[in-house]
Each structure stands twice: as C-alpha cells, then as structure tokens.
PDB file of N, CA and C in Angstrom:
ATOM      1  N   MET A   1       1.308  -1.166   0.433  1.00  0.00           N
ATOM      2  CA  MET A   1      -0.054   0.297   0.003  1.00  0.00           C
ATOM      3  C   MET A   1       0.989   1.188   0.508  1.00  0.00           C
ATOM      4  N   THR A   2       0.574   2.383  -0.634  1.00  0.00           N
ATOM      5  CA  THR A   2       0.630   3.827  -0.597  1.00  0.00           C
ATOM      6  C   THR A   2       1.435   4.427   0.794  1.00  0.00           C
ATOM      7  N   PRO A   3       1.215   5.252   1.092  1.00  0.00           N
ATOM      8  CA  PRO A   3       1.045   6.425   2.795  1.00  0.00           C
ATOM      9  C   PRO A   3       0.189   6.623   2.384  1.00  0.00           C
ATOM     10  N   ARG A   4       0.302   7.830   0.594  1.00  0.00           N
ATOM     11  CA  ARG A   4      -1.227   7.780   1.380  1.00  0.00           C
ATOM     12  C   ARG A   4      -2.188   7.845   1.591  1.00  0.00           C
ATOM     13  N   LYS A   5      -3.245   8.795   1.621  1.00  0.00           N
ATOM     14  CA  LYS A   5      -4.420   9.027   2.230  1.00  0.00           C
ATOM     15  C   LYS A   5      -5.706   8.362   0.895  1.00  0.00           C
ATOM     16  N   ILE A   6      -5.976   6.961   1.294  1.00  0.00           N
ATOM     17  CA  ILE A   6      -6.337   6.721   0.053  1.00  0.00           C
ATOM     18  C   ILE A   6      -8.755   5.999   0.973  1.00  0.00           C
ATOM     19  N   ASP A   7      -9.070   6.150   0.177  1.00  0.00           N
ATOM     20  CA  ASP A   7     -10.454   6.302   0.225  1.00  0.00           C
ATOM     21  C   ASP A   7     -11.463   5.224  -0.364  1.00  0.00           C
ATOM     22  N   GLY A   8     -11.062   5.195  -1.507  1.00  0.00           N
ATOM     23  CA  GLY A   8     -11.344   4.019  -2.087  1.00  0.00           C
ATOM     24  C   GLY A   8     -10.327   3.583  -3.666  1.00  0.00           C
ATOM     25  N   VAL A   9     -10.396   2.482  -4.157  1.00  0.00           N
ATOM     26  CA  VAL A   9      -9.798   2.645  -5.063  1.00  0.00           C
ATOM     27  C   VAL A   9     -11.140   1.569  -6.174  1.00  0.00           C
ATOM     28  N   ILE A  10     -10.734   1.984  -7.235  1.00  0.00           N
ATOM     29  CA  ILE A  10     -12.004   2.040  -8.425  1.00  0.00           C
ATOM     30  C   ILE A  10     -11.081   1.265  -9.391  1.00  0.00           C
ATOM     31  N   GLU A  11     -11.999  -0.144  -9.159  1.00  0.00           N
ATOM     32  CA  GLU A  11     -10.615  -1.000  -9.960  1.00  0.00           C
ATOM     33  C   GLU A  11     -11.854  -1.896 -11.686  1.00  0.00           C
ATOM     34  N   ALA A  12     -12.979  -0.809 -12.016  1.00  0.00           N
ATOM     35  CA  ALA A  12     -13.613  -0.833 -13.417  1.00  0.00           C
ATOM     36  C   ALA A  12     -14.735  -0.228 -13.277  1.00  0.00           C
ATOM     37  N   VAL A  13     -15.373   0.447 -14.606  1.00  0.00           N
ATOM     38  CA  VAL A  13     -15.332   1.212 -15.022  1.00  0.00           C
ATOM     39  C   VAL A  13     -16.985   0.706 -15.751  1.00  0.00           C
ATOM     40  N   HIS A  14     -17.993   1.686 -15.953  1.00  0.00           N
ATOM     41  CA  HIS A  14     -19.430   0.976 -17.056  1.00  0.00           C
ATOM     42  C   HIS A  14     -20.069   2.063 -17.107  1.00  0.00           C
ATOM     43  N   TYR A  15     -19.274   2.554 -18.260  1.00  0.00           N
ATOM     44  CA  TYR A  15     -20.316   4.067 -19.095  1.00  0.00           C
ATOM     45  C   TYR A  15     -20.995   3.977 -19.613  1.00  0.00           C
ATOM     46  N   SER A  16     -22.172   4.970 -19.791  1.00  0.00           N
ATOM     47  CA  SER A  16     -23.198   4.902 -20.782  1.00  0.00           C
ATOM     48  C   SER A  16     -23.077   5.110 -21.830  1.00  0.00           C
ATOM     49  N   ALA A  17     -23.984   5.038 -22.780  1.00  0.00           N
ATOM     50  CA  ALA A  17     -23.984   5.619 -24.681  1.00  0.00           C
ATOM     51  C   ALA A  17     -23.891   6.791 -24.485  1.00  0.00           C
ATOM     52  N   ASP A  18     -24.261   7.619 -23.532  1.00  0.00           N
ATOM     53  CA  ASP A  18     -22.929   9.165 -24.346  1.00  0.00           C
ATOM     54  C   ASP A  18     -21.444   9.632 -23.140  1.00  0.00           C
ATOM     55  N   GLY A  19     -20.987   8.494 -22.882  1.00  0.00           N
ATOM     56  CA  GLY A  19     -19.915   8.920 -22.720  1.00  0.00           C
ATOM     57  C   GLY A  19     -19.830   8.563 -20.529  1.00  0.00           C
ATOM     58  N   GLN A  20     -20.834   8.729 -20.021  1.00  0.00           N
ATOM     59  CA  GLN A  20     -19.994   9.393 -18.870  1.00  0.00           C
ATOM     60  C   GLN A  20     -20.685   7.966 -17.765  1.00  0.00           C
ATOM     61  N   VAL A  21     -20.129   8.057 -17.028  1.00  0.00           N
ATOM     62  CA  VAL A  21     -19.347   6.734 -16.362  1.00  0.00           C
ATOM     63  C   VAL A  21     -21.103   6.739 -15.119  1.00  0.00           C
ATOM     64  N   GLU A  22     -21.211   5.631 -16.095  1.00  0.00           N
ATOM     65  CA  GLU A  22     -22.378   5.157 -15.372  1.00  0.00           C
ATOM     66  C   GLU A  22     -22.361   4.039 -13.394  1.00  0.00           C
ATOM     67  N   THR A  23     -21.117   3.378 -13.448  1.00  0.00           N
ATOM     68  CA  THR A  23     -21.353   2.420 -12.552  1.00  0.00           C
ATOM     69  C   THR A  23     -20.081   1.799 -12.512  1.00  0.00           C
ATOM     70  N   VAL A  24     -19.774   2.347 -11.197  1.00  0.00           N
ATOM     71  CA  VAL A  24     -18.076   1.955 -10.115  1.00  0.00           C
ATOM     72  C   VAL A  24     -17.690   0.780  -9.734  1.00  0.00           C
ATOM     73  N   ARG A  25     -17.260   0.010  -9.792  1.00  0.00           N
ATOM     74  CA  ARG A  25     -17.222  -0.963  -9.377  1.00  0.00           C
ATOM     75  C   ARG A  25     -15.228  -0.699  -8.384  1.00  0.00           C
ATOM     76  N   TYR A  26     -15.747  -0.543  -7.059  1.00  0.00           N
ATOM     77  CA  TYR A  26     -14.184  -0.360  -5.896  1.00  0.00           C
ATOM     78  C   TYR A  26     -14.136  -0.955  -4.643  1.00  0.00           C
ATOM     79  N   TYR A  27     -12.948  -0.396  -4.470  1.00  0.00           N
ATOM     80  CA  TYR A  27     -13.242  -1.252  -3.115  1.00  0.00           C
ATOM     81  C   TYR A  27     -12.709  -0.127  -1.305  1.00  0.00           C
ATOM     82  N   GLU A  28     -13.723  -0.224  -1.286  1.00  0.00           N
ATOM     83  CA  GLU A  28     -13.669   1.520   0.158  1.00  0.00           C
ATOM     84  C   GLU A  28     -12.979   0.660   1.217  1.00  0.00           C
ATOM     85  N   ARG A  29     -11.996   2.040   1.678  1.00  0.00           N
ATOM     86  CA  ARG A  29     -10.900   1.369   2.407  1.00  0.00           C
ATOM     87  C   ARG A  29     -12.340   1.391   4.112  1.00  0.00           C
ATOM     88  N   ARG A  30     -11.199   0.924   5.000  1.00  0.00           N
ATOM     89  CA  ARG A  30     -12.192   0.891   6.281  1.00  0.00           C
ATOM     90  C   ARG A  30     -11.476  -0.063   6.723  1.00  0.00           C
ATOM     91  N   GLY A  31     -10.410   1.184   7.549  1.00  0.00           N
ATOM     92  CA  GLY A  31      -9.379   1.511   9.037  1.00  0.00           C
ATOM     93  C   GLY A  31      -8.412   0.916   7.717  1.00  0.00           C
ATOM     94  N   ALA A  32      -6.917  -0.326   8.445  1.00  0.00           N
ATOM     95  CA  ALA A  32      -6.574  -0.809   7.975  1.00  0.00           C
ATOM     96  C   ALA A  32      -6.495  -2.145   6.744  1.00  0.00           C
ATOM     97  N   VAL A  33      -7.775  -2.078   6.198  1.00  0.00           N
ATOM     98  CA  VAL A  33      -8.065  -2.800   5.213  1.00  0.00           C
ATOM     99  C   VAL A  33      -9.383  -2.564   4.860  1.00  0.00           C
ATOM    100  N   PHE A  34      -9.516  -3.140   3.537  1.00  0.00           N
ATOM    101  CA  PHE A  34     -10.468  -2.271   2.390  1.00  0.00           C
ATOM    102  C   PHE A  34     -12.083  -3.826   2.408  1.00  0.00           C
ATOM    103  N   SER A  35     -13.226  -3.126   2.365  1.00  0.00           N
ATOM    104  CA  SER A  35     -13.840  -3.965   2.014  1.00  0.00           C
ATOM    105  C   SER A  35     -14.163  -4.865   0.364  1.00  0.00           C
ATOM    106  N   ASP A  36     -14.898  -6.313   1.075  1.00  0.00           N
ATOM    107  CA  ASP A  36     -15.303  -6.404  -0.519  1.00  0.00           C
ATOM    108  C   ASP A  36     -15.363  -5.423  -1.855  1.00  0.00           C
ATOM    109  N   CYS A  37     -15.148  -6.034  -2.532  1.00  0.00           N
ATOM    110  CA  CYS A  37     -15.582  -5.362  -4.394  1.00  0.00           C
ATOM    111  C   CYS A  37     -17.262  -4.454  -3.811  1.00  0.00           C
ATOM    112  N   LYS A  38     -17.691  -3.496  -4.344  1.00  0.00           N
ATOM    113  CA  LYS A  38     -18.831  -2.974  -4.778  1.00  0.00           C
ATOM    114  C   LYS A  38     -18.677  -2.162  -5.528  1.00  0.00           C
ATOM    115  N   LEU A  39     -20.593  -1.851  -5.715  1.00  0.00           N
ATOM    116  CA  LEU A  39     -21.005  -1.230  -6.943  1.00  0.00           C
ATOM    117  C   LEU A  39     -21.350   0.186  -6.207  1.00  0.00           C
ATOM    118  N   MET A  40     -20.613   1.382  -7.267  1.00  0.00           N
ATOM    119  CA  MET A  40     -21.408   3.091  -6.943  1.00  0.00           C
ATOM    120  C   MET A  40     -21.984   3.641  -8.279  1.00  0.00           C
ATOM    121  N   THR A  41     -22.412   4.188  -8.221  1.00  0.00           N
ATOM    122  CA  THR A  41     -23.219   4.284  -9.298  1.00  0.00           C
ATOM    123  C   THR A  41     -22.493   6.365  -9.622  1.00  0.00           C
ATOM    124  N   ARG A  42     -22.673   6.885 -10.799  1.00  0.00           N
ATOM    125  CA  ARG A  42     -21.696   7.994 -10.805  1.00  0.00           C
ATOM    126  C   ARG A  42     -22.545   9.365 -10.053  1.00  0.00           C
ATOM    127  N   ASP A  43     -23.568   9.374  -9.641  1.00  0.00           N
ATOM    128  CA  ASP A  43     -24.000  10.545  -8.720  1.00  0.00           C
ATOM    129  C   ASP A  43     -23.159  10.316  -7.351  1.00  0.00           C
ATOM    130  N   GLY A  44     -22.698   8.678  -6.772  1.00  0.00           N
ATOM    131  CA  GLY A  44     -22.664   8.521  -5.439  1.00  0.00           C
ATOM    132  C   GLY A  44     -21.224   8.939  -5.954  1.00  0.00           C
ATOM    133  N   LEU A  45     -20.412   8.733  -6.387  1.00  0.00           N
ATOM    134  CA  LEU A  45     -19.569   8.656  -6.585  1.00  0.00           C
ATOM    135  C   LEU A  45     -19.106  10.555  -6.415  1.00  0.00           C
ATOM    136  N   ILE A  46     -19.391  11.418  -7.118  1.00  0.00           N
ATOM    137  CA  ILE A  46     -19.251  12.278  -7.661  1.00  0.00           C
ATOM    138  C   ILE A  46     -19.596  13.288  -5.873  1.00  0.00           C
ATOM    139  N   ARG A  47     -20.626  12.727  -5.315  1.00  0.00           N
ATOM    140  CA  ARG A  47     -20.978  12.887  -3.710  1.00  0.00           C
ATOM    141  C   ARG A  47     -19.583  13.131  -3.272  1.00  0.00           C
ATOM    142  N   MET A  48     -19.414  11.411  -2.674  1.00  0.00           N
ATOM    143  CA  MET A  48     -18.077  11.144  -2.089  1.00  0.00           C
ATOM    144  C   MET A  48     -17.094  12.459  -2.787  1.00  0.00           C
ATOM    145  N   LEU A  49     -16.779  12.389  -3.633  1.00  0.00           N
ATOM    146  CA  LEU A  49     -15.907  13.271  -4.195  1.00  0.00           C
ATOM    147  C   LEU A  49     -16.224  15.038  -3.141  1.00  0.00           C
ATOM    148  N   LYS A  50     -16.950  15.158  -3.589  1.00  0.00           N
ATOM    149  CA  LYS A  50     -16.976  16.763  -3.325  1.00  0.00           C
ATOM    150  C   LYS A  50     -17.475  16.243  -1.094  1.00  0.00           C
ATOM    151  N   ALA A  51     -17.205  15.408  -1.350  1.00  0.00           N
ATOM    152  CA  ALA A  51     -17.442  15.324   0.382  1.00  0.00           C
ATOM    153  C   ALA A  51     -15.696  14.890   1.074  1.00  0.00           C
ATOM    154  N   ARG A  52     -15.178  15.282   0.304  1.00  0.00           N
ATOM    155  CA  ARG A  52     -13.518  15.132   0.453  1.00  0.00           C
ATOM    156  C   ARG A  52     -12.691  13.818   0.135  1.00  0.00           C
ATOM    157  N   LYS A  53     -13.707  13.253  -0.294  1.00  0.00           N
ATOM    158  CA  LYS A  53     -13.038  11.682  -0.134  1.00  0.00           C
ATOM    159  C   LYS A  53     -12.480  11.489  -1.392  1.00  0.00           C
ATOM    160  N   VAL A  54     -10.929  10.525  -1.098  1.00  0.00           N
ATOM    161  CA  VAL A  54     -10.485  10.262  -2.098  1.00  0.00           C
ATOM    162  C   VAL A  54      -9.690   8.704  -2.873  1.00  0.00           C
ATOM    163  N   PHE A  55     -10.361   9.402  -3.764  1.00  0.00           N
ATOM    164  CA  PHE A  55     -10.369   7.953  -4.993  1.00  0.00           C
ATOM    165  C   PHE A  55      -9.241   7.774  -5.832  1.00  0.00           C
ATOM    166  N   PHE A  56      -8.313   6.278  -5.745  1.00  0.00           N
ATOM    167  CA  PHE A  56      -7.259   6.202  -6.736  1.00  0.00           C
ATOM    168  C   PHE A  56      -8.474   4.746  -8.177  1.00  0.00           C
ATOM    169  N   THR A  57      -7.220   4.893  -9.204  1.00  0.00           N
ATOM    170  CA  THR A  57      -7.914   3.924  -9.542  1.00  0.00           C
ATOM    171  C   THR A  57      -6.290   2.473  -9.230  1.00  0.00           C
ATOM    172  N   GLY A  58      -7.071   1.624  -9.877  1.00  0.00           N
ATOM    173  CA  GLY A  58      -5.955   0.654  -9.089  1.00  0.00           C
ATOM    174  C   GLY A  58      -6.695  -1.270  -9.446  1.00  0.00           C
ATOM    175  N   ALA A  59      -5.584  -1.295  -8.910  1.00  0.00           N
ATOM    176  CA  ALA A  59      -6.465  -3.044  -9.136  1.00  0.00           C
ATOM    177  C   ALA A  59      -5.591  -3.781  -7.400  1.00  0.00           C
ATOM    178  N   ARG A  60      -6.561  -4.703  -7.161  1.00  0.00           N
ATOM    179  CA  ARG A  60      -6.000  -4.840  -5.919  1.00  0.00           C
ATOM    180  C   ARG A  60      -4.926  -6.586  -6.251  1.00  0.00           C
ATOM    181  N   LYS A  61      -3.521  -6.350  -5.735  1.00  0.00           N
ATOM    182  CA  LYS A  61      -2.741  -7.537  -6.028  1.00  0.00           C
ATOM    183  C   LYS A  61      -2.987  -8.928  -5.935  1.00  0.00           C
ATOM    184  N   PRO A  62      -3.369 -10.050  -6.658  1.00  0.00           N
ATOM    185  CA  PRO A  62      -2.670 -10.688  -6.258  1.00  0.00           C
ATOM    186  C   PRO A  62      -2.894 -11.365  -5.151  1.00  0.00           C
ATOM    187  N   PHE A  63      -3.733 -12.127  -4.108  1.00  0.00           N
ATOM    188  CA  PHE A  63      -2.830 -12.662  -2.813  1.00  0.00           C
ATOM    189  C   PHE A  63      -2.582 -12.277  -1.185  1.00  0.00           C
ATOM    190  N   GLN A  64      -3.105 -10.528  -2.309  1.00  0.00           N
ATOM    191  CA  GLN A  64      -2.545  -9.410  -1.133  1.00  0.00           C
ATOM    192  C   GLN A  64      -3.243  -9.064  -0.102  1.00  0.00           C
ATOM    193  N   GLY A  65      -4.533  -9.300  -0.351  1.00  0.00           N
ATOM    194  CA  GLY A  65      -5.959  -8.609   0.881  1.00  0.00           C
ATOM    195  C   GLY A  65      -5.646  -7.230   0.300  1.00  0.00           C
ATOM    196  N   ALA A  66      -4.954  -6.468   0.936  1.00  0.00           N
ATOM    197  CA  ALA A  66      -5.017  -5.110   1.211  1.00  0.00           C
ATOM    198  C   ALA A  66      -3.788  -4.525   0.782  1.00  0.00           C
ATOM    199  N   SER A  67      -4.034  -5.472  -0.204  1.00  0.00           N
ATOM    200  CA  SER A  67      -2.682  -4.438  -1.107  1.00  0.00           C
ATOM    201  C   SER A  67      -2.631  -4.031  -2.711  1.00  0.00           C
ATOM    202  N   PHE A  68      -2.475  -2.708  -2.779  1.00  0.00           N
ATOM    203  CA  PHE A  68      -2.918  -2.716  -4.511  1.00  0.00           C
ATOM    204  C   PHE A  68      -2.270  -1.691  -5.374  1.00  0.00           C
ATOM    205  N   GLU A  69      -2.463  -2.025  -6.533  1.00  0.00           N
ATOM    206  CA  GLU A  69      -1.288  -1.653  -8.015  1.00  0.00           C
ATOM    207  C   GLU A  69      -2.360   0.014  -8.259  1.00  0.00           C
ATOM    208  N   VAL A  70      -1.968   1.241  -7.265  1.00  0.00           N
ATOM    209  CA  VAL A  70      -2.759   1.993  -7.185  1.00  0.00           C
ATOM    210  C   VAL A  70      -1.608   3.072  -8.492  1.00  0.00           C
ATOM    211  N   GLY A  71      -3.431   3.838  -9.748  1.00  0.00           N
ATOM    212  CA  GLY A  71      -3.102   4.613  -9.952  1.00  0.00           C
ATOM    213  C   GLY A  71      -3.305   5.794 -10.016  1.00  0.00           C
ATOM    214  N   LYS A  72      -4.344   6.500 -11.017  1.00  0.00           N
ATOM    215  CA  LYS A  72      -3.970   8.155 -10.876  1.00  0.00           C
ATOM    216  C   LYS A  72      -5.589   8.225  -9.645  1.00  0.00           C
ATOM    217  N   GLN A  73      -5.730   9.588  -9.271  1.00  0.00           N
ATOM    218  CA  GLN A  73      -6.696   9.942  -8.666  1.00  0.00           C
ATOM    219  C   GLN A  73      -7.881  10.168  -9.370  1.00  0.00           C
ATOM    220  N   VAL A  74      -8.863  10.478  -9.140  1.00  0.00           N
ATOM    221  CA  VAL A  74      -9.740  10.540  -9.598  1.00  0.00           C
ATOM    222  C   VAL A  74     -10.326  11.942  -9.142  1.00  0.00           C
ATOM    223  N   ARG A  75     -10.385  12.558  -9.753  1.00  0.00           N
ATOM    224  CA  ARG A  75     -10.814  14.343  -9.952  1.00  0.00           C
ATOM    225  C   ARG A  75     -12.587  14.716 -10.299  1.00  0.00           C
ATOM    226  N   LEU A  76     -12.469  15.978  -9.946  1.00  0.00           N
ATOM    227  CA  LEU A  76     -14.021  15.825 -10.752  1.00  0.00           C
ATOM    228  C   LEU A  76     -13.585  17.940 -11.439  1.00  0.00           C
ATOM    229  N   ALA A  77     -13.753  17.913 -12.355  1.00  0.00           N
ATOM    230  CA  ALA A  77     -13.035  18.592 -13.544  1.00  0.00           C
ATOM    231  C   ALA A  77     -14.635  19.382 -13.953  1.00  0.00           C
ATOM    232  N   GLY A  78     -14.762  21.271 -14.243  1.00  0.00           N
ATOM    233  CA  GLY A  78     -16.169  21.438 -14.797  1.00  0.00           C
ATOM    234  C   GLY A  78     -16.363  22.025 -13.882  1.00  0.00           C
ATOM    235  N   PRO A  79     -17.943  23.192 -14.105  1.00  0.00           N
ATOM    236  CA  PRO A  79     -18.323  23.834 -13.509  1.00  0.00           C
ATOM    237  C   PRO A  79     -19.400  23.447 -12.761  1.00  0.00           C
ATOM    238  N   ALA A  80     -20.333  23.600 -11.708  1.00  0.00           N
ATOM    239  CA  ALA A  80     -20.285  23.082 -10.452  1.00  0.00           C
ATOM    240  C   ALA A  80     -22.459  22.519 -11.462  1.00  0.00           C
ATOM    241  N   GLY A  81     -22.834  21.240 -11.060  1.00  0.00           N
ATOM    242  CA  GLY A  81     -23.741  20.909 -12.040  1.00  0.00           C
ATOM    243  C   GLY A  81     -23.616  20.032 -13.499  1.00  0.00           C
ATOM    244  N   GLN A  82     -21.669  20.059 -14.398  1.00  0.00           N
ATOM    245  CA  GLN A  82     -21.692  20.009 -14.499  1.00  0.00           C
ATOM    246  C   GLN A  82     -20.102  19.216 -14.626  1.00  0.00           C
ATOM    247  N   GLU A  83     -20.280  19.256 -13.605  1.00  0.00           N
ATOM    248  CA  GLU A  83     -19.036  17.929 -13.443  1.00  0.00           C
ATOM    249  C   GLU A  83     -18.481  16.845 -14.576  1.00  0.00           C
ATOM    250  N   VAL A  84     -17.369  16.701 -14.901  1.00  0.00           N
ATOM    251  CA  VAL A  84     -16.987  14.656 -14.822  1.00  0.00           C
ATOM    252  C   VAL A  84     -15.838  14.706 -14.320  1.00  0.00           C
ATOM    253  N   LEU A  85     -15.846  13.809 -14.272  1.00  0.00           N
ATOM    254  CA  LEU A  85     -15.187  12.374 -13.111  1.00  0.00           C
ATOM    255  C   LEU A  85     -13.990  12.056 -14.716  1.00  0.00           C
ATOM    256  N   THR A  86     -12.355  12.888 -13.976  1.00  0.00           N
ATOM    257  CA  THR A  86     -11.725  12.171 -14.785  1.00  0.00           C
ATOM    258  C   THR A  86      -9.909  11.611 -13.893  1.00  0.00           C
ATOM    259  N   THR A  87      -9.386  11.921 -14.628  1.00  0.00           N
ATOM    260  CA  THR A  87      -7.861  11.056 -13.331  1.00  0.00           C
ATOM    261  C   THR A  87      -7.385  12.161 -14.664  1.00  0.00           C
ATOM    262  N   ALA A  88      -7.337  12.737 -15.593  1.00  0.00           N
ATOM    263  CA  ALA A  88      -6.125  13.315 -16.111  1.00  0.00           C
ATOM    264  C   ALA A  88      -7.054  14.419 -16.918  1.00  0.00           C
ATOM    265  N   ASP A  89      -6.737  15.216 -18.292  1.00  0.00           N
ATOM    266  CA  ASP A  89      -7.632  15.933 -19.219  1.00  0.00           C
ATOM    267  C   ASP A  89      -8.131  15.131 -20.016  1.00  0.00           C
ATOM    268  N   ALA A  90      -9.656  15.560 -19.192  1.00  0.00           N
ATOM    269  CA  ALA A  90     -10.867  14.780 -20.120  1.00  0.00           C
ATOM    270  C   ALA A  90     -11.002  14.747 -20.937  1.00  0.00           C
ATOM    271  N   PRO A  91     -11.931  14.763 -22.079  1.00  0.00           N
ATOM    272  CA  PRO A  91     -12.331  14.875 -23.794  1.00  0.00           C
ATOM    273  C   PRO A  91     -13.795  15.961 -23.065  1.00  0.00           C
ATOM    274  N   ALA A  92     -13.892  17.219 -23.453  1.00  0.00           N
ATOM    275  CA  ALA A  92     -15.440  18.078 -23.396  1.00  0.00           C
ATOM    276  C   ALA A  92     -16.742  17.558 -23.117  1.00  0.00           C
ATOM    277  N   GLY A  93     -16.933  17.708 -22.035  1.00  0.00           N
ATOM    278  CA  GLY A  93     -18.347  17.061 -21.152  1.00  0.00           C
ATOM    279  C   GLY A  93     -18.055  15.289 -21.541  1.00  0.00           C
ATOM    280  N   LYS A  94     -16.405  14.490 -21.113  1.00  0.00           N
ATOM    281  CA  LYS A  94     -17.360  12.997 -21.508  1.00  0.00           C
ATOM    282  C   LYS A  94     -16.180  13.015 -20.317  1.00  0.00           C
ATOM    283  N   ASP A  95     -16.849  11.717 -19.266  1.00  0.00           N
ATOM    284  CA  ASP A  95     -15.736  11.589 -18.160  1.00  0.00           C
ATOM    285  C   ASP A  95     -14.864   9.744 -19.060  1.00  0.00           C
ATOM    286  N   HIS A  96     -13.706  10.107 -17.948  1.00  0.00           N
ATOM    287  CA  HIS A  96     -12.920   9.706 -18.412  1.00  0.00           C
ATOM    288  C   HIS A  96     -11.663   9.459 -17.407  1.00  0.00           C
ATOM    289  N   LEU A  97     -11.898   7.655 -16.910  1.00  0.00           N
ATOM    290  CA  LEU A  97     -10.805   6.952 -15.825  1.00  0.00           C
ATOM    291  C   LEU A  97      -9.901   6.424 -16.956  1.00  0.00           C
ATOM    292  N   GLU A  98      -8.965   6.774 -17.286  1.00  0.00           N
ATOM    293  CA  GLU A  98      -7.401   6.735 -17.837  1.00  0.00           C
ATOM    294  C   GLU A  98      -6.777   5.114 -17.548  1.00  0.00           C
ATOM    295  N   GLY A  99      -6.857   4.608 -17.533  1.00  0.00           N
ATOM    296  CA  GLY A  99      -5.921   3.424 -17.627  1.00  0.00           C
ATOM    297  C   GLY A  99      -7.087   1.914 -16.834  1.00  0.00           C
ATOM    298  N   VAL A 100      -8.694   2.286 -16.619  1.00  0.00           N
ATOM    299  CA  VAL A 100      -9.655   1.743 -15.785  1.00  0.00           C
ATOM    300  C   VAL A 100     -10.140   0.179 -17.162  1.00  0.00           C
ATOM    301  N   PRO A 101     -10.239  -0.889 -16.227  1.00  0.00           N
ATOM    302  CA  PRO A 101     -11.133  -1.559 -17.583  1.00  0.00           C
ATOM    303  C   PRO A 101     -12.594  -0.814 -17.154  1.00  0.00           C
ATOM    304  N   ALA A 102     -13.378  -1.765 -18.623  1.00  0.00           N
ATOM    305  CA  ALA A 102     -14.862  -1.252 -18.875  1.00  0.00           C
ATOM    306  C   ALA A 102     -15.440  -3.025 -18.395  1.00  0.00           C
ATOM    307  N   PHE A 103     -16.742  -2.778 -17.270  1.00  0.00           N
ATOM    308  CA  PHE A 103     -17.024  -4.050 -17.261  1.00  0.00           C
ATOM    309  C   PHE A 103     -18.248  -4.177 -17.347  1.00  0.00           C
TER     310      PHE A 103
END
C-alpha cells in the first residue's frame, strides 16, 4: 500500500452510451483493511468526491488482500452541475478514467 490517504480504489467502470460513468466497481477503505468489491453509481461517486473522499484507480494485488497497484487520483472537473470525472485531461463533456477497464 502507498502512504497516501486513500478512501477507495476504483477497479472497473461502466460507461453509458453518452460517455458518462454509469457505475464503478471499487474497494472502500475501512481502517487498515479494504471492503469486498462494491458498486457505486456516478452520482454516489460525485457525492463522495465532493465530501473530500480520495479515490484512486487501481487493482488488487493477487493473494495480498489489502494491497493494491494504485494508479491515478480521480478528480472532478468542470463547472458545478456539469462536472466530469477524470484522472487526466478529459475530452470536453465526457468522463474519462484512464487505465480503468470497462465491465
């Protein structure tokens, strides 16, 4: 695990036809350990990010429970009410979580 503060790790994403995140599959930090795999909607993720929760992209290391290969931090960009979820410079008006596989 990295020494950075991490509230959750996003492992996979499902995009809608218009390019917005519909659902993410993630692990939530609970003290020194992480939860089992969970699903969260786009609105839920935006609400968590606005509450200053820190999410990174990544994947669980095989056979190492609470250890992850951590990627980039997920951020909100754009004006209020039209936010996009991004890990880098996103195309205009579309969510983009770089390096996260689709499910």
